[in-house]
């Protein structure tokens, strides 16, 4: 809801709690990866680019060994990392 209302800063704590819950409840499960990527996207939208990059890298470290470097999801996460790195290099407005 907060992301849809262009308030990702309010969504971040909710997604952080969601990720923690999924990790504690499910351990290594696809829902944990989904929560990790959602949190990373929300960090990026909120302007927390370094946190987004770190979160994307955690997700990449979990999926690349399993899916391989040529998998489309791996490529998508790599592209998100590059976009966050680029955004972090821009001057603040």
PDB file of N, CA and C in Angstrom:
ATOM      1  N   UNK A   1       0.814  -1.180   0.000  1.00  0.00           N
ATOM      2  CA  UNK A   1       0.000   0.000   0.000  1.00  0.00           C
ATOM      3  C   UNK A   1       0.871   1.262   0.000  1.00  0.00           C
ATOM      4  N   UNK A   2       1.887   1.308   0.880  1.00  0.00           N
ATOM      5  CA  UNK A   2       2.732   2.496   0.927  1.00  0.00           C
ATOM      6  C   UNK A   2       3.544   2.657  -0.349  1.00  0.00           C
ATOM      7  N   UNK A   3       3.995   1.553  -0.908  1.00  0.00           N
ATOM      8  CA  UNK A   3       4.747   1.651  -2.165  1.00  0.00           C
ATOM      9  C   UNK A   3       3.846   2.180  -3.263  1.00  0.00           C
ATOM     10  N   UNK A   4       2.607   1.712  -3.309  1.00  0.00           N
ATOM     11  CA  UNK A   4       1.661   2.162  -4.330  1.00  0.00           C
ATOM     12  C   UNK A   4       1.329   3.641  -4.159  1.00  0.00           C
ATOM     13  N   UNK A   5       1.369   4.133  -2.933  1.00  0.00           N
ATOM     14  CA  UNK A   5       1.087   5.544  -2.654  1.00  0.00           C
ATOM     15  C   UNK A   5       2.339   6.407  -2.747  1.00  0.00           C
ATOM     16  N   UNK A   6       3.396   5.860  -3.325  1.00  0.00           N
ATOM     17  CA  UNK A   6       4.662   6.573  -3.485  1.00  0.00           C
ATOM     18  C   UNK A   6       5.255   6.986  -2.141  1.00  0.00           C
ATOM     19  N   UNK A   7       5.159   6.096  -1.141  1.00  0.00           N
ATOM     20  CA  UNK A   7       5.746   6.310   0.185  1.00  0.00           C
ATOM     21  C   UNK A   7       6.579   5.105   0.586  1.00  0.00           C
ATOM     22  N   UNK A   8       7.581   4.749  -0.223  1.00  0.00           N
ATOM     23  CA  UNK A   8       8.362   3.552   0.089  1.00  0.00           C
ATOM     24  C   UNK A   8       9.089   3.640   1.423  1.00  0.00           C
ATOM     25  N   UNK A   9       9.375   4.858   1.878  1.00  0.00           N
ATOM     26  CA  UNK A   9      10.054   5.009   3.164  1.00  0.00           C
ATOM     27  C   UNK A   9       9.213   4.438   4.309  1.00  0.00           C
ATOM     28  N   UNK A  10       7.886   4.509   4.182  1.00  0.00           N
ATOM     29  CA  UNK A  10       7.004   3.936   5.196  1.00  0.00           C
ATOM     30  C   UNK A  10       6.860   2.428   5.039  1.00  0.00           C
ATOM     31  N   UNK A  11       7.104   1.932   3.837  1.00  0.00           N
ATOM     32  CA  UNK A  11       6.983   0.499   3.575  1.00  0.00           C
ATOM     33  C   UNK A  11       8.208  -0.287   4.036  1.00  0.00           C
ATOM     34  N   UNK A  12       9.372   0.364   4.084  1.00  0.00           N
ATOM     35  CA  UNK A  12      10.617  -0.333   4.411  1.00  0.00           C
ATOM     36  C   UNK A  12      10.526  -1.125   5.715  1.00  0.00           C
ATOM     37  N   UNK A  13      10.099  -0.524   6.843  1.00  0.00           N
ATOM     38  CA  UNK A  13      10.063  -1.318   8.080  1.00  0.00           C
ATOM     39  C   UNK A  13       9.111  -2.511   8.003  1.00  0.00           C
ATOM     40  N   UNK A  14       8.048  -2.366   7.251  1.00  0.00           N
ATOM     41  CA  UNK A  14       7.107  -3.478   7.095  1.00  0.00           C
ATOM     42  C   UNK A  14       7.748  -4.622   6.318  1.00  0.00           C
ATOM     43  N   UNK A  15       8.457  -4.284   5.245  1.00  0.00           N
ATOM     44  CA  UNK A  15       9.121  -5.321   4.455  1.00  0.00           C
ATOM     45  C   UNK A  15      10.296  -5.944   5.199  1.00  0.00           C
ATOM     46  N   UNK A  16      10.983  -5.148   6.023  1.00  0.00           N
ATOM     47  CA  UNK A  16      12.060  -5.716   6.841  1.00  0.00           C
ATOM     48  C   UNK A  16      11.485  -6.755   7.817  1.00  0.00           C
ATOM     49  N   UNK A  17      10.359  -6.417   8.444  1.00  0.00           N
ATOM     50  CA  UNK A  17       9.705  -7.358   9.348  1.00  0.00           C
ATOM     51  C   UNK A  17       9.215  -8.594   8.622  1.00  0.00           C
ATOM     52  N   UNK A  18       8.692  -8.402   7.423  1.00  0.00           N
ATOM     53  CA  UNK A  18       8.223  -9.518   6.614  1.00  0.00           C
ATOM     54  C   UNK A  18       9.367 -10.472   6.286  1.00  0.00           C
ATOM     55  N   UNK A  19      10.504  -9.921   5.886  1.00  0.00           N
ATOM     56  CA  UNK A  19      11.664 -10.760   5.559  1.00  0.00           C
ATOM     57  C   UNK A  19      12.128 -11.539   6.784  1.00  0.00           C
ATOM     58  N   UNK A  20      12.213 -10.867   7.916  1.00  0.00           N
ATOM     59  CA  UNK A  20      12.624 -11.543   9.148  1.00  0.00           C
ATOM     60  C   UNK A  20      11.674 -12.680   9.484  1.00  0.00           C
ATOM     61  N   UNK A  21      10.388 -12.430   9.349  1.00  0.00           N
ATOM     62  CA  UNK A  21       9.384 -13.462   9.626  1.00  0.00           C
ATOM     63  C   UNK A  21       9.568 -14.670   8.712  1.00  0.00           C
ATOM     64  N   UNK A  22       9.699 -14.422   7.415  1.00  0.00           N
ATOM     65  CA  UNK A  22       9.848 -15.532   6.467  1.00  0.00           C
ATOM     66  C   UNK A  22      11.133 -16.311   6.739  1.00  0.00           C
ATOM     67  N   UNK A  23      12.218 -15.597   7.066  1.00  0.00           N
ATOM     68  CA  UNK A  23      13.480 -16.284   7.351  1.00  0.00           C
ATOM     69  C   UNK A  23      13.352 -17.181   8.576  1.00  0.00           C
ATOM     70  N   UNK A  24      12.714 -16.674   9.625  1.00  0.00           N
ATOM     71  CA  UNK A  24      12.563 -17.451  10.853  1.00  0.00           C
ATOM     72  C   UNK A  24      11.582 -18.610  10.672  1.00  0.00           C
ATOM     73  N   UNK A  25      10.553 -18.389   9.887  1.00  0.00           N
ATOM     74  CA  UNK A  25       9.510 -19.392   9.715  1.00  0.00           C
ATOM     75  C   UNK A  25       9.887 -20.461   8.700  1.00  0.00           C
ATOM     76  N   UNK A  26      10.440 -20.022   7.570  1.00  0.00           N
ATOM     77  CA  UNK A  26      10.649 -20.941   6.448  1.00  0.00           C
ATOM     78  C   UNK A  26      12.103 -21.299   6.169  1.00  0.00           C
ATOM     79  N   UNK A  27      13.030 -20.514   6.684  1.00  0.00           N
ATOM     80  CA  UNK A  27      14.433 -20.778   6.369  1.00  0.00           C
ATOM     81  C   UNK A  27      14.722 -20.506   4.909  1.00  0.00           C
ATOM     82  N   UNK A  28      15.302 -21.473   4.224  1.00  0.00           N
ATOM     83  CA  UNK A  28      15.645 -21.328   2.809  1.00  0.00           C
ATOM     84  C   UNK A  28      14.451 -21.748   1.965  1.00  0.00           C
ATOM     85  N   UNK A  29      13.690 -20.785   1.506  1.00  0.00           N
ATOM     86  CA  UNK A  29      12.440 -21.044   0.785  1.00  0.00           C
ATOM     87  C   UNK A  29      12.265 -19.945  -0.259  1.00  0.00           C
ATOM     88  N   UNK A  30      11.573 -20.229  -1.373  1.00  0.00           N
ATOM     89  CA  UNK A  30      11.363 -19.194  -2.402  1.00  0.00           C
ATOM     90  C   UNK A  30      10.675 -17.929  -1.867  1.00  0.00           C
ATOM     91  N   UNK A  31       9.805 -18.058  -0.866  1.00  0.00           N
ATOM     92  CA  UNK A  31       9.164 -16.864  -0.314  1.00  0.00           C
ATOM     93  C   UNK A  31      10.177 -15.942   0.354  1.00  0.00           C
ATOM     94  N   UNK A  32      11.239 -16.512   0.896  1.00  0.00           N
ATOM     95  CA  UNK A  32      12.288 -15.705   1.512  1.00  0.00           C
ATOM     96  C   UNK A  32      13.000 -14.900   0.430  1.00  0.00           C
ATOM     97  N   UNK A  33      13.300 -15.526  -0.681  1.00  0.00           N
ATOM     98  CA  UNK A  33      13.923 -14.829  -1.800  1.00  0.00           C
ATOM     99  C   UNK A  33      13.009 -13.719  -2.311  1.00  0.00           C
ATOM    100  N   UNK A  34      11.746 -14.012  -2.453  1.00  0.00           N
ATOM    101  CA  UNK A  34      10.791 -13.003  -2.906  1.00  0.00           C
ATOM    102  C   UNK A  34      10.753 -11.816  -1.951  1.00  0.00           C
ATOM    103  N   UNK A  35      10.731 -12.093  -0.653  1.00  0.00           N
ATOM    104  CA  UNK A  35      10.727 -11.016   0.339  1.00  0.00           C
ATOM    105  C   UNK A  35      12.020 -10.215   0.274  1.00  0.00           C
ATOM    106  N   UNK A  36      13.149 -10.881   0.040  1.00  0.00           N
ATOM    107  CA  UNK A  36      14.448 -10.206  -0.075  1.00  0.00           C
ATOM    108  C   UNK A  36      14.450  -9.243  -1.258  1.00  0.00           C
ATOM    109  N   UNK A  37      13.936  -9.700  -2.390  1.00  0.00           N
ATOM    110  CA  UNK A  37      13.899  -8.850  -3.580  1.00  0.00           C
ATOM    111  C   UNK A  37      12.920  -7.695  -3.418  1.00  0.00           C
ATOM    112  N   UNK A  38      11.791  -7.942  -2.792  1.00  0.00           N
ATOM    113  CA  UNK A  38      10.820  -6.877  -2.554  1.00  0.00           C
ATOM    114  C   UNK A  38      11.424  -5.812  -1.640  1.00  0.00           C
ATOM    115  N   UNK A  39      12.115  -6.240  -0.592  1.00  0.00           N
ATOM    116  CA  UNK A  39      12.761  -5.296   0.302  1.00  0.00           C
ATOM    117  C   UNK A  39      13.827  -4.494  -0.449  1.00  0.00           C
ATOM    118  N   UNK A  40      14.624  -5.159  -1.263  1.00  0.00           N
ATOM    119  CA  UNK A  40      15.663  -4.461  -2.033  1.00  0.00           C
ATOM    120  C   UNK A  40      15.037  -3.426  -2.968  1.00  0.00           C
ATOM    121  N   UNK A  41      13.968  -3.804  -3.656  1.00  0.00           N
ATOM    122  CA  UNK A  41      13.273  -2.858  -4.540  1.00  0.00           C
ATOM    123  C   UNK A  41      12.755  -1.655  -3.752  1.00  0.00           C
ATOM    124  N   UNK A  42      12.238  -1.923  -2.564  1.00  0.00           N
ATOM    125  CA  UNK A  42      11.686  -0.847  -1.738  1.00  0.00           C
ATOM    126  C   UNK A  42      12.794   0.066  -1.228  1.00  0.00           C
ATOM    127  N   UNK A  43      13.918  -0.514  -0.833  1.00  0.00           N
ATOM    128  CA  UNK A  43      15.065   0.312  -0.448  1.00  0.00           C
ATOM    129  C   UNK A  43      15.432   1.259  -1.596  1.00  0.00           C
ATOM    130  N   UNK A  44      15.507   0.701  -2.796  1.00  0.00           N
ATOM    131  CA  UNK A  44      15.889   1.511  -3.951  1.00  0.00           C
ATOM    132  C   UNK A  44      14.890   2.636  -4.177  1.00  0.00           C
ATOM    133  N   UNK A  45      13.601   2.307  -4.113  1.00  0.00           N
ATOM    134  CA  UNK A  45      12.564   3.318  -4.306  1.00  0.00           C
ATOM    135  C   UNK A  45      12.623   4.394  -3.228  1.00  0.00           C
ATOM    136  N   UNK A  46      13.044   4.015  -2.020  1.00  0.00           N
ATOM    137  CA  UNK A  46      13.138   4.962  -0.908  1.00  0.00           C
ATOM    138  C   UNK A  46      14.431   5.776  -0.949  1.00  0.00           C
ATOM    139  N   UNK A  47      15.309   5.466  -1.903  1.00  0.00           N
ATOM    140  CA  UNK A  47      16.565   6.196  -2.022  1.00  0.00           C
ATOM    141  C   UNK A  47      17.693   5.628  -1.182  1.00  0.00           C
ATOM    142  N   UNK A  48      17.472   4.483  -0.557  1.00  0.00           N
ATOM    143  CA  UNK A  48      18.509   3.822   0.255  1.00  0.00           C
ATOM    144  C   UNK A  48      19.280   2.863  -0.658  1.00  0.00           C
ATOM    145  N   UNK A  49      20.023   3.440  -1.567  1.00  0.00           N
ATOM    146  CA  UNK A  49      20.660   2.650  -2.627  1.00  0.00           C
ATOM    147  C   UNK A  49      21.681   1.649  -2.118  1.00  0.00           C
ATOM    148  N   UNK A  50      22.468   2.009  -1.126  1.00  0.00           N
ATOM    149  CA  UNK A  50      23.473   1.068  -0.609  1.00  0.00           C
ATOM    150  C   UNK A  50      22.800  -0.138   0.052  1.00  0.00           C
ATOM    151  N   UNK A  51      21.712   0.108   0.771  1.00  0.00           N
ATOM    152  CA  UNK A  51      20.973  -1.010   1.363  1.00  0.00           C
ATOM    153  C   UNK A  51      20.355  -1.870   0.272  1.00  0.00           C
ATOM    154  N   UNK A  52      19.866  -1.235  -0.784  1.00  0.00           N
ATOM    155  CA  UNK A  52      19.292  -1.983  -1.906  1.00  0.00           C
ATOM    156  C   UNK A  52      20.357  -2.870  -2.544  1.00  0.00           C
ATOM    157  N   UNK A  53      21.517  -2.309  -2.797  1.00  0.00           N
ATOM    158  CA  UNK A  53      22.606  -3.072  -3.421  1.00  0.00           C
ATOM    159  C   UNK A  53      22.970  -4.264  -2.550  1.00  0.00           C
ATOM    160  N   UNK A  54      23.111  -4.037  -1.252  1.00  0.00           N
ATOM    161  CA  UNK A  54      23.468  -5.133  -0.332  1.00  0.00           C
ATOM    162  C   UNK A  54      22.399  -6.211  -0.341  1.00  0.00           C
ATOM    163  N   UNK A  55      21.145  -5.814  -0.334  1.00  0.00           N
ATOM    164  CA  UNK A  55      20.045  -6.779  -0.317  1.00  0.00           C
ATOM    165  C   UNK A  55      19.970  -7.562  -1.633  1.00  0.00           C
ATOM    166  N   UNK A  56      20.157  -6.872  -2.744  1.00  0.00           N
ATOM    167  CA  UNK A  56      20.186  -7.565  -4.037  1.00  0.00           C
ATOM    168  C   UNK A  56      21.343  -8.572  -4.082  1.00  0.00           C
ATOM    169  N   UNK A  57      22.482  -8.195  -3.536  1.00  0.00           N
ATOM    170  CA  UNK A  57      23.638  -9.103  -3.560  1.00  0.00           C
ATOM    171  C   UNK A  57      23.400 -10.344  -2.711  1.00  0.00           C
ATOM    172  N   UNK A  58      22.708 -10.180  -1.587  1.00  0.00           N
ATOM    173  CA  UNK A  58      22.352 -11.350  -0.783  1.00  0.00           C
ATOM    174  C   UNK A  58      21.465 -12.277  -1.601  1.00  0.00           C
ATOM    175  N   UNK A  59      20.465 -11.715  -2.266  1.00  0.00           N
ATOM    176  CA  UNK A  59      19.568 -12.526  -3.096  1.00  0.00           C
ATOM    177  C   UNK A  59      20.347 -13.205  -4.222  1.00  0.00           C
ATOM    178  N   UNK A  60      21.217 -12.457  -4.872  1.00  0.00           N
ATOM    179  CA  UNK A  60      22.014 -13.019  -5.967  1.00  0.00           C
ATOM    180  C   UNK A  60      22.879 -14.172  -5.474  1.00  0.00           C
ATOM    181  N   UNK A  61      23.449 -14.014  -4.293  1.00  0.00           N
ATOM    182  CA  UNK A  61      24.277 -15.074  -3.722  1.00  0.00           C
ATOM    183  C   UNK A  61      23.500 -16.345  -3.430  1.00  0.00           C
ATOM    184  N   UNK A  62      22.200 -16.211  -3.225  1.00  0.00           N
ATOM    185  CA  UNK A  62      21.362 -17.387  -2.967  1.00  0.00           C
ATOM    186  C   UNK A  62      20.903 -18.057  -4.261  1.00  0.00           C
ATOM    187  N   UNK A  63      20.642 -17.257  -5.299  1.00  0.00           N
ATOM    188  CA  UNK A  63      20.041 -17.857  -6.505  1.00  0.00           C
ATOM    189  C   UNK A  63      21.045 -18.258  -7.567  1.00  0.00           C
ATOM    190  N   UNK A  64      22.121 -17.514  -7.701  1.00  0.00           N
ATOM    191  CA  UNK A  64      23.052 -17.826  -8.786  1.00  0.00           C
ATOM    192  C   UNK A  64      23.673 -19.218  -8.668  1.00  0.00           C
ATOM    193  N   UNK A  65      24.099 -19.662  -7.473  1.00  0.00           N
ATOM    194  CA  UNK A  65      24.670 -21.014  -7.395  1.00  0.00           C
ATOM    195  C   UNK A  65      23.672 -22.110  -7.777  1.00  0.00           C
ATOM    196  N   UNK A  66      22.403 -21.860  -7.528  1.00  0.00           N
ATOM    197  CA  UNK A  66      21.373 -22.859  -7.831  1.00  0.00           C
ATOM    198  C   UNK A  66      20.920 -22.801  -9.284  1.00  0.00           C
ATOM    199  N   UNK A  67      20.667 -21.582  -9.770  1.00  0.00           N
ATOM    200  CA  UNK A  67      20.096 -21.420 -11.111  1.00  0.00           C
ATOM    201  C   UNK A  67      21.136 -21.266 -12.211  1.00  0.00           C
ATOM    202  N   UNK A  68      22.326 -20.850 -11.842  1.00  0.00           N
ATOM    203  CA  UNK A  68      23.380 -20.651 -12.832  1.00  0.00           C
ATOM    204  C   UNK A  68      23.422 -19.218 -13.331  1.00  0.00           C
ATOM    205  N   UNK A  69      24.566 -18.798 -13.856  1.00  0.00           N
ATOM    206  CA  UNK A  69      24.759 -17.405 -14.249  1.00  0.00           C
ATOM    207  C   UNK A  69      23.943 -16.966 -15.465  1.00  0.00           C
ATOM    208  N   UNK A  70      23.444 -17.904 -16.236  1.00  0.00           N
ATOM    209  CA  UNK A  70      22.702 -17.555 -17.448  1.00  0.00           C
ATOM    210  C   UNK A  70      21.191 -17.498 -17.236  1.00  0.00           C
ATOM    211  N   UNK A  71      20.731 -17.784 -16.040  1.00  0.00           N
ATOM    212  CA  UNK A  71      19.299 -17.784 -15.759  1.00  0.00           C
ATOM    213  C   UNK A  71      18.728 -16.362 -15.860  1.00  0.00           C
ATOM    214  N   UNK A  72      17.522 -16.212 -16.419  1.00  0.00           N
ATOM    215  CA  UNK A  72      16.914 -14.874 -16.548  1.00  0.00           C
ATOM    216  C   UNK A  72      16.728 -14.148 -15.214  1.00  0.00           C
ATOM    217  N   UNK A  73      16.398 -14.865 -14.151  1.00  0.00           N
ATOM    218  CA  UNK A  73      16.237 -14.211 -12.855  1.00  0.00           C
ATOM    219  C   UNK A  73      17.577 -13.676 -12.358  1.00  0.00           C
ATOM    220  N   UNK A  74      18.636 -14.412 -12.568  1.00  0.00           N
ATOM    221  CA  UNK A  74      19.973 -13.956 -12.184  1.00  0.00           C
ATOM    222  C   UNK A  74      20.312 -12.684 -12.958  1.00  0.00           C
ATOM    223  N   UNK A  75      20.021 -12.675 -14.247  1.00  0.00           N
ATOM    224  CA  UNK A  75      20.282 -11.488 -15.066  1.00  0.00           C
ATOM    225  C   UNK A  75      19.454 -10.300 -14.581  1.00  0.00           C
ATOM    226  N   UNK A  76      18.221 -10.555 -14.185  1.00  0.00           N
ATOM    227  CA  UNK A  76      17.345  -9.486 -13.697  1.00  0.00           C
ATOM    228  C   UNK A  76      17.884  -8.887 -12.394  1.00  0.00           C
ATOM    229  N   UNK A  77      18.357  -9.733 -11.506  1.00  0.00           N
ATOM    230  CA  UNK A  77      18.908  -9.229 -10.236  1.00  0.00           C
ATOM    231  C   UNK A  77      20.198  -8.461 -10.495  1.00  0.00           C
ATOM    232  N   UNK A  78      21.033  -8.955 -11.409  1.00  0.00           N
ATOM    233  CA  UNK A  78      22.257  -8.230 -11.762  1.00  0.00           C
ATOM    234  C   UNK A  78      21.921  -6.846 -12.335  1.00  0.00           C
ATOM    235  N   UNK A  79      20.884  -6.771 -13.157  1.00  0.00           N
ATOM    236  CA  UNK A  79      20.466  -5.486 -13.728  1.00  0.00           C
ATOM    237  C   UNK A  79      19.962  -4.544 -12.635  1.00  0.00           C
ATOM    238  N   UNK A  80      19.268  -5.087 -11.657  1.00  0.00           N
ATOM    239  CA  UNK A  80      18.788  -4.256 -10.548  1.00  0.00           C
ATOM    240  C   UNK A  80      19.957  -3.723  -9.730  1.00  0.00           C
ATOM    241  N   UNK A  81      20.985  -4.537  -9.550  1.00  0.00           N
ATOM    242  CA  UNK A  81      22.186  -4.076  -8.838  1.00  0.00           C
ATOM    243  C   UNK A  81      22.821  -2.916  -9.601  1.00  0.00           C
ATOM    244  N   UNK A  82      22.974  -3.092 -10.908  1.00  0.00           N
ATOM    245  CA  UNK A  82      23.582  -2.030 -11.719  1.00  0.00           C
ATOM    246  C   UNK A  82      22.757  -0.751 -11.671  1.00  0.00           C
ATOM    247  N   UNK A  83      21.429  -0.882 -11.713  1.00  0.00           N
ATOM    248  CA  UNK A  83      20.563   0.298 -11.649  1.00  0.00           C
ATOM    249  C   UNK A  83      20.694   1.004 -10.305  1.00  0.00           C
ATOM    250  N   UNK A  84      20.785   0.236  -9.230  1.00  0.00           N
ATOM    251  CA  UNK A  84      20.945   0.837  -7.902  1.00  0.00           C
ATOM    252  C   UNK A  84      22.319   1.490  -7.770  1.00  0.00           C
ATOM    253  N   UNK A  85      23.352   0.851  -8.326  1.00  0.00           N
ATOM    254  CA  UNK A  85      24.691   1.442  -8.294  1.00  0.00           C
ATOM    255  C   UNK A  85      24.707   2.757  -9.063  1.00  0.00           C
ATOM    256  N   UNK A  86      24.042   2.761 -10.219  1.00  0.00           N
ATOM    257  CA  UNK A  86      23.968   3.991 -11.008  1.00  0.00           C
ATOM    258  C   UNK A  86      23.226   5.077 -10.235  1.00  0.00           C
ATOM    259  N   UNK A  87      22.086   4.728  -9.652  1.00  0.00           N
ATOM    260  CA  UNK A  87      21.302   5.697  -8.897  1.00  0.00           C
ATOM    261  C   UNK A  87      22.086   6.249  -7.714  1.00  0.00           C
ATOM    262  N   UNK A  88      22.906   5.410  -7.097  1.00  0.00           N
ATOM    263  CA  UNK A  88      23.686   5.879  -5.948  1.00  0.00           C
ATOM    264  C   UNK A  88      24.809   6.823  -6.383  1.00  0.00           C
ATOM    265  N   UNK A  89      25.189   6.760  -7.644  1.00  0.00           N
ATOM    266  CA  UNK A  89      26.274   7.623  -8.122  1.00  0.00           C
ATOM    267  C   UNK A  89      25.777   9.017  -8.524  1.00  0.00           C
ATOM    268  N   UNK A  90      24.462   9.170  -8.635  1.00  0.00           N
ATOM    269  CA  UNK A  90      23.902  10.468  -9.022  1.00  0.00           C
ATOM    270  C   UNK A  90      23.903  11.425  -7.829  1.00  0.00           C
ATOM    271  N   UNK A  91      24.096  12.716  -8.095  1.00  0.00           N
ATOM    272  CA  UNK A  91      24.038  13.666  -6.984  1.00  0.00           C
ATOM    273  C   UNK A  91      22.612  13.753  -6.432  1.00  0.00           C
ATOM    274  N   UNK A  92      22.515  13.997  -5.131  1.00  0.00           N
ATOM    275  CA  UNK A  92      21.194  14.166  -4.517  1.00  0.00           C
ATOM    276  C   UNK A  92      20.529  15.417  -5.069  1.00  0.00           C
ATOM    277  N   UNK A  93      19.244  15.314  -5.188  1.00  0.00           N
ATOM    278  CA  UNK A  93      18.500  16.470  -5.705  1.00  0.00           C
ATOM    279  C   UNK A  93      17.752  17.148  -4.608  1.00  0.00           C
TER     280      UNK A  93
END
